Amino acid sequence: MVTTAPDGTKDITTPLTDADVESLRAGDRVRITGVMYTARDAAHGRLFPLIEKRERLPIDVYGAIIYYTGPSPARPGDVIGSVGPTTGSRMDKFTPALLKLGLKATVGKGHRGQAVKDALRQYKGVYMGAIGGAGAVLSEFVKKAEVVAYEDLGTEAIRRLEVDRFPAIVINDCHGGDLYQDGMKAYAREGA
């Protein structure tokens, strides 16, 4: 579900539907509440062969959000360590197949390739950016964390995070909007 707060921020509650994704536009500030799964390069490398063989994945991606992060170990008394985003484009070769299975959103940092942007349009998905370098602050929005697959990968294991008002910004929407491209065009128009 997506609702708009008085300050204009969109509050997102997982799982997401096509209608939820269609309501988001590049540049929207969002706060995510609910479940996100963590997965980086190594976990994607294990998921992809399962997708190719049409085998069951260890997590249900339908309506889900995958956050590209490998949390650092939690200090005593903390739920999780630093949870800063990693570069989304490193997962580009895997993302279209996950979107086809019903994944609705990914969160990372940096730009995405054209194949991912096309898949976001085709399968109604969205790519959001989290603040790089602020992993310690972002950890405060994680209320629960548990490893759910590939524990042997350590920090790159898949984790199920329960988050409350986790801040992000929509970079690529399902309408072809691209905050990086559109933002640069606006910046150039302003004569900077």
C-alpha atoms as a PDB file:
ATOM      1  CA  MET A   1       0.000   0.000   0.000  1.00  0.00           C
ATOM      2  CA  VAL A   2       1.173   3.545  -0.766  1.00  0.00           C
ATOM      3  CA  THR A   3      -0.175   6.643   0.976  1.00  0.00           C
ATOM      4  CA  THR A   4       1.021  10.235   0.784  1.00  0.00           C
ATOM      5  CA  ALA A   5       1.938  11.995   4.025  1.00  0.00           C
ATOM      6  CA  PRO A   6       1.267  15.724   4.567  1.00  0.00           C
ATOM      7  CA  ASP A   7       4.945  16.468   3.836  1.00  0.00           C
ATOM      8  CA  GLY A   8       4.613  14.822   0.395  1.00  0.00           C
ATOM      9  CA  THR A   9       6.597  11.718   1.326  1.00  0.00           C
ATOM     10  CA  LYS A  10       5.050   8.456   0.153  1.00  0.00           C
ATOM     11  CA  ASP A  11       4.614   5.861   2.877  1.00  0.00           C
ATOM     12  CA  ILE A  12       5.007   2.361   1.432  1.00  0.00           C
ATOM     13  CA  THR A  13       3.803  -0.767   3.205  1.00  0.00           C
ATOM     14  CA  THR A  14       4.893  -4.147   1.858  1.00  0.00           C
ATOM     15  CA  PRO A  15       3.993  -6.293  -0.004  1.00  0.00           C
ATOM     16  CA  LEU A  16       3.571  -4.098  -3.084  1.00  0.00           C
ATOM     17  CA  THR A  17       1.016  -4.419  -5.868  1.00  0.00           C
ATOM     18  CA  ASP A  18       1.130  -3.210  -9.468  1.00  0.00           C
ATOM     19  CA  ALA A  19      -1.111  -0.284  -8.453  1.00  0.00           C
ATOM     20  CA  ASP A  20       1.310   0.653  -5.656  1.00  0.00           C
ATOM     21  CA  VAL A  21       4.234   0.694  -8.082  1.00  0.00           C
ATOM     22  CA  GLU A  22       2.253   2.665 -10.691  1.00  0.00           C
ATOM     23  CA  SER A  23       1.594   5.385  -8.078  1.00  0.00           C
ATOM     24  CA  LEU A  24       5.328   6.035  -7.625  1.00  0.00           C
ATOM     25  CA  ARG A  25       7.320   8.488  -9.733  1.00  0.00           C
ATOM     26  CA  ALA A  26      11.038   9.135 -10.093  1.00  0.00           C
ATOM     27  CA  GLY A  27      11.999  11.698  -7.464  1.00  0.00           C
ATOM     28  CA  ASP A  28       9.373  10.616  -4.910  1.00  0.00           C
ATOM     29  CA  ARG A  29      10.706  10.459  -1.371  1.00  0.00           C
ATOM     30  CA  VAL A  30       9.490   7.287   0.317  1.00  0.00           C
ATOM     31  CA  ARG A  31       9.442   5.584   3.718  1.00  0.00           C
ATOM     32  CA  ILE A  32       9.224   1.803   3.613  1.00  0.00           C
ATOM     33  CA  THR A  33       7.483  -0.179   6.350  1.00  0.00           C
ATOM     34  CA  GLY A  34       7.217  -3.950   6.366  1.00  0.00           C
ATOM     35  CA  VAL A  35       9.570  -6.596   5.001  1.00  0.00           C
ATOM     36  CA  MET A  36      12.611  -6.198   2.769  1.00  0.00           C
ATOM     37  CA  TYR A  37      15.035  -8.955   1.823  1.00  0.00           C
ATOM     38  CA  THR A  38      18.764  -8.351   1.558  1.00  0.00           C
ATOM     39  CA  ALA A  39      20.679  -9.850  -1.344  1.00  0.00           C
ATOM     40  CA  ARG A  40      23.967  -8.936  -2.980  1.00  0.00           C
ATOM     41  CA  ASP A  41      26.098 -10.435  -5.730  1.00  0.00           C
ATOM     42  CA  ALA A  42      26.757 -13.849  -4.175  1.00  0.00           C
ATOM     43  CA  ALA A  43      23.110 -14.454  -3.226  1.00  0.00           C
ATOM     44  CA  HIS A  44      21.920 -13.374  -6.675  1.00  0.00           C
ATOM     45  CA  GLY A  45      24.463 -15.770  -8.153  1.00  0.00           C
ATOM     46  CA  ARG A  46      22.723 -18.608  -6.301  1.00  0.00           C
ATOM     47  CA  LEU A  47      19.171 -17.448  -7.079  1.00  0.00           C
ATOM     48  CA  PHE A  48      19.723 -17.102 -10.815  1.00  0.00           C
ATOM     49  CA  PRO A  49      20.363 -20.798 -11.609  1.00  0.00           C
ATOM     50  CA  LEU A  50      17.198 -21.679  -9.655  1.00  0.00           C
ATOM     51  CA  ILE A  51      15.229 -19.215 -11.785  1.00  0.00           C
ATOM     52  CA  GLU A  52      16.699 -20.636 -14.978  1.00  0.00           C
ATOM     53  CA  LYS A  53      15.734 -24.185 -13.909  1.00  0.00           C
ATOM     54  CA  ARG A  54      12.290 -22.960 -12.762  1.00  0.00           C
ATOM     55  CA  GLU A  55      13.008 -24.237  -9.273  1.00  0.00           C
ATOM     56  CA  ARG A  56      11.587 -22.785  -6.082  1.00  0.00           C
ATOM     57  CA  LEU A  57      13.487 -19.843  -4.592  1.00  0.00           C
ATOM     58  CA  PRO A  58      14.312 -19.767  -0.859  1.00  0.00           C
ATOM     59  CA  ILE A  59      12.291 -16.526  -0.543  1.00  0.00           C
ATOM     60  CA  ASP A  60       8.980 -15.458  -2.069  1.00  0.00           C
ATOM     61  CA  VAL A  61       9.807 -12.470  -4.263  1.00  0.00           C
ATOM     62  CA  TYR A  62       6.209 -11.809  -5.357  1.00  0.00           C
ATOM     63  CA  GLY A  63       5.345  -8.255  -4.259  1.00  0.00           C
ATOM     64  CA  ALA A  64       8.668  -8.013  -2.422  1.00  0.00           C
ATOM     65  CA  ILE A  65      11.527  -5.533  -2.123  1.00  0.00           C
ATOM     66  CA  ILE A  66      15.170  -6.619  -2.335  1.00  0.00           C
ATOM     67  CA  TYR A  67      17.706  -4.308  -0.704  1.00  0.00           C
ATOM     68  CA  TYR A  68      21.236  -4.545  -2.060  1.00  0.00           C
ATOM     69  CA  THR A  69      23.168  -4.553   1.193  1.00  0.00           C
ATOM     70  CA  GLY A  70      25.492  -6.768   3.171  1.00  0.00           C
ATOM     71  CA  PRO A  71      25.032  -5.712   6.785  1.00  0.00           C
ATOM     72  CA  SER A  72      27.998  -5.505   9.098  1.00  0.00           C
ATOM     73  CA  PRO A  73      27.772  -7.535  12.323  1.00  0.00           C
ATOM     74  CA  ALA A  74      25.508  -6.099  14.998  1.00  0.00           C
ATOM     75  CA  ARG A  75      27.036  -4.657  18.125  1.00  0.00           C
ATOM     76  CA  PRO A  76      25.711  -6.081  21.397  1.00  0.00           C
ATOM     77  CA  GLY A  77      22.157  -4.866  21.941  1.00  0.00           C
ATOM     78  CA  ASP A  78      21.644  -3.790  18.305  1.00  0.00           C
ATOM     79  CA  VAL A  79      19.352  -5.502  15.818  1.00  0.00           C
ATOM     80  CA  ILE A  80      21.808  -5.181  12.943  1.00  0.00           C
ATOM     81  CA  GLY A  81      25.047  -3.466  12.036  1.00  0.00           C
ATOM     82  CA  SER A  82      25.513  -0.868   9.332  1.00  0.00           C
ATOM     83  CA  VAL A  83      23.162  -1.450   6.366  1.00  0.00           C
ATOM     84  CA  GLY A  84      24.375   0.880   3.655  1.00  0.00           C
ATOM     85  CA  PRO A  85      23.411   0.217   0.029  1.00  0.00           C
ATOM     86  CA  THR A  86      25.692  -1.333  -2.555  1.00  0.00           C
ATOM     87  CA  THR A  87      25.792  -0.525  -6.262  1.00  0.00           C
ATOM     88  CA  GLY A  88      22.600  -1.661  -7.972  1.00  0.00           C
ATOM     89  CA  SER A  89      24.102  -2.084 -11.439  1.00  0.00           C
ATOM     90  CA  ARG A  90      26.111  -5.072 -10.196  1.00  0.00           C
ATOM     91  CA  MET A  91      22.776  -6.944 -10.005  1.00  0.00           C
ATOM     92  CA  ASP A  92      21.577  -5.810 -13.457  1.00  0.00           C
ATOM     93  CA  LYS A  93      22.046  -9.204 -15.113  1.00  0.00           C
ATOM     94  CA  PHE A  94      19.757 -10.846 -12.524  1.00  0.00           C
ATOM     95  CA  THR A  95      17.081  -8.198 -12.002  1.00  0.00           C
ATOM     96  CA  PRO A  96      14.850  -8.659 -15.086  1.00  0.00           C
ATOM     97  CA  ALA A  97      14.317 -12.357 -14.249  1.00  0.00           C
ATOM     98  CA  LEU A  98      13.355 -11.492 -10.656  1.00  0.00           C
ATOM     99  CA  LEU A  99      10.970  -8.769 -11.826  1.00  0.00           C
ATOM    100  CA  LYS A 100       9.338 -11.291 -14.156  1.00  0.00           C
ATOM    101  CA  LEU A 101       8.690 -13.488 -11.080  1.00  0.00           C
ATOM    102  CA  GLY A 102       6.864 -10.617  -9.355  1.00  0.00           C
ATOM    103  CA  LEU A 103       9.591  -8.715  -7.511  1.00  0.00           C
ATOM    104  CA  LYS A 104       8.259  -5.158  -7.232  1.00  0.00           C
ATOM    105  CA  ALA A 105      11.185  -3.099  -6.004  1.00  0.00           C
ATOM    106  CA  THR A 106      14.913  -3.012  -5.458  1.00  0.00           C
ATOM    107  CA  VAL A 107      16.898  -0.605  -3.310  1.00  0.00           C
ATOM    108  CA  GLY A 108      20.550   0.246  -3.840  1.00  0.00           C
ATOM    109  CA  LYS A 109      22.734   3.088  -5.023  1.00  0.00           C
ATOM    110  CA  GLY A 110      23.804   4.279  -8.455  1.00  0.00           C
ATOM    111  CA  HIS A 111      22.250   3.952 -11.878  1.00  0.00           C
ATOM    112  CA  ARG A 112      20.688   0.906 -13.572  1.00  0.00           C
ATOM    113  CA  GLY A 113      21.202  -0.351 -17.108  1.00  0.00           C
ATOM    114  CA  GLN A 114      18.673  -0.092 -19.914  1.00  0.00           C
ATOM    115  CA  ALA A 115      17.624  -3.762 -19.650  1.00  0.00           C
ATOM    116  CA  VAL A 116      16.577  -3.182 -16.027  1.00  0.00           C
ATOM    117  CA  LYS A 117      14.735   0.047 -16.903  1.00  0.00           C
ATOM    118  CA  ASP A 118      12.879  -1.818 -19.668  1.00  0.00           C
ATOM    119  CA  ALA A 119      11.994  -4.649 -17.252  1.00  0.00           C
ATOM    120  CA  LEU A 120      10.711  -2.129 -14.680  1.00  0.00           C
ATOM    121  CA  ARG A 121       8.283  -0.881 -17.327  1.00  0.00           C
ATOM    122  CA  GLN A 122       7.321  -4.334 -18.598  1.00  0.00           C
ATOM    123  CA  TYR A 123       6.770  -5.989 -15.205  1.00  0.00           C
ATOM    124  CA  LYS A 124       5.771  -2.915 -13.164  1.00  0.00           C
ATOM    125  CA  GLY A 125       8.707  -2.472 -10.851  1.00  0.00           C
ATOM    126  CA  VAL A 126      10.617   0.385  -9.263  1.00  0.00           C
ATOM    127  CA  TYR A 127      14.241   1.027  -8.294  1.00  0.00           C
ATOM    128  CA  MET A 128      14.890   3.140  -5.220  1.00  0.00           C
ATOM    129  CA  GLY A 129      18.060   4.669  -3.879  1.00  0.00           C
ATOM    130  CA  ALA A 130      19.176   4.651  -0.260  1.00  0.00           C
ATOM    131  CA  ILE A 131      21.765   7.060   1.107  1.00  0.00           C
ATOM    132  CA  GLY A 132      25.282   5.753   0.574  1.00  0.00           C
ATOM    133  CA  GLY A 133      27.637   6.341   3.496  1.00  0.00           C
ATOM    134  CA  ALA A 134      24.769   6.416   5.995  1.00  0.00           C
ATOM    135  CA  GLY A 135      24.552   2.706   6.817  1.00  0.00           C
ATOM    136  CA  ALA A 136      24.784   3.263  10.574  1.00  0.00           C
ATOM    137  CA  VAL A 137      21.861   5.700  10.448  1.00  0.00           C
ATOM    138  CA  LEU A 138      19.841   3.394   8.167  1.00  0.00           C
ATOM    139  CA  SER A 139      20.267   0.538  10.669  1.00  0.00           C
ATOM    140  CA  GLU A 140      18.039   2.472  13.080  1.00  0.00           C
ATOM    141  CA  PHE A 141      15.057   1.808  10.773  1.00  0.00           C
ATOM    142  CA  VAL A 142      15.559  -1.984  10.965  1.00  0.00           C
ATOM    143  CA  LYS A 143      13.460  -3.466  13.774  1.00  0.00           C
ATOM    144  CA  LYS A 144      14.217  -7.159  13.187  1.00  0.00           C
ATOM    145  CA  ALA A 145      16.703  -9.099  11.064  1.00  0.00           C
ATOM    146  CA  GLU A 146      17.129 -12.821  10.471  1.00  0.00           C
ATOM    147  CA  VAL A 147      19.092 -14.908   7.999  1.00  0.00           C
ATOM    148  CA  VAL A 148      16.656 -16.866   5.809  1.00  0.00           C
ATOM    149  CA  ALA A 149      18.945 -18.352   3.137  1.00  0.00           C
ATOM    150  CA  TYR A 150      22.594 -19.017   2.323  1.00  0.00           C
ATOM    151  CA  GLU A 151      23.948 -18.496   5.845  1.00  0.00           C
ATOM    152  CA  ASP A 152      27.342 -19.716   4.619  1.00  0.00           C
ATOM    153  CA  LEU A 153      27.689 -16.455   2.642  1.00  0.00           C
ATOM    154  CA  GLY A 154      28.101 -14.492   5.877  1.00  0.00           C
ATOM    155  CA  THR A 155      27.356 -10.824   5.288  1.00  0.00           C
ATOM    156  CA  GLU A 156      25.989 -11.688   1.819  1.00  0.00           C
ATOM    157  CA  ALA A 157      23.435 -14.196   3.141  1.00  0.00           C
ATOM    158  CA  ILE A 158      19.804 -13.385   2.390  1.00  0.00           C
ATOM    159  CA  ARG A 159      18.195 -11.715   5.361  1.00  0.00           C
ATOM    160  CA  ARG A 160      14.589 -10.866   6.096  1.00  0.00           C
ATOM    161  CA  LEU A 161      14.455  -7.361   7.506  1.00  0.00           C
ATOM    162  CA  GLU A 162      11.453  -5.845   9.233  1.00  0.00           C
ATOM    163  CA  VAL A 163      11.732  -2.102   8.698  1.00  0.00           C
ATOM    164  CA  ASP A 164       9.795   0.908   9.930  1.00  0.00           C
ATOM    165  CA  ARG A 165       9.772   4.084   7.821  1.00  0.00           C
ATOM    166  CA  PHE A 166      13.053   3.198   6.050  1.00  0.00           C
ATOM    167  CA  PRO A 167      13.952   6.262   3.915  1.00  0.00           C
ATOM    168  CA  ALA A 168      14.649   6.048   0.194  1.00  0.00           C
ATOM    169  CA  ILE A 169      14.005   7.926  -3.043  1.00  0.00           C
ATOM    170  CA  VAL A 170      12.560   6.595  -6.300  1.00  0.00           C
ATOM    171  CA  ILE A 171      15.271   6.590  -8.965  1.00  0.00           C
ATOM    172  CA  ASN A 172      13.571   4.640 -11.778  1.00  0.00           C
ATOM    173  CA  ASP A 173       9.804   4.219 -12.005  1.00  0.00           C
ATOM    174  CA  CYS A 174       7.656   1.945 -14.172  1.00  0.00           C
ATOM    175  CA  HIS A 175       6.727   4.863 -16.450  1.00  0.00           C
ATOM    176  CA  GLY A 176      10.258   5.382 -17.770  1.00  0.00           C
ATOM    177  CA  GLY A 177      11.144   8.123 -15.273  1.00  0.00           C
ATOM    178  CA  ASP A 178      14.819   8.304 -14.315  1.00  0.00           C
ATOM    179  CA  LEU A 179      15.800  10.687 -11.533  1.00  0.00           C
ATOM    180  CA  TYR A 180      19.429  10.753 -12.642  1.00  0.00           C
ATOM    181  CA  GLN A 181      18.652  11.640 -16.262  1.00  0.00           C
ATOM    182  CA  ASP A 182      15.723  13.935 -15.475  1.00  0.00           C
ATOM    183  CA  GLY A 183      17.628  15.601 -12.645  1.00  0.00           C
ATOM    184  CA  MET A 184      20.633  16.299 -14.850  1.00  0.00           C
ATOM    185  CA  LYS A 185      18.391  17.797 -17.544  1.00  0.00           C
ATOM    186  CA  ALA A 186      16.774  20.092 -14.985  1.00  0.00           C
ATOM    187  CA  TYR A 187      20.198  21.005 -13.610  1.00  0.00           C
ATOM    188  CA  ALA A 188      21.427  21.868 -17.117  1.00  0.00           C
ATOM    189  CA  ARG A 189      18.294  23.971 -17.821  1.00  0.00           C
ATOM    190  CA  GLU A 190      18.972  26.011 -14.688  1.00  0.00           C
ATOM    191  CA  GLY A 191      22.348  26.948 -16.164  1.00  0.00           C
ATOM    192  CA  ALA A 192      24.474  25.419 -13.463  1.00  0.00           C
END
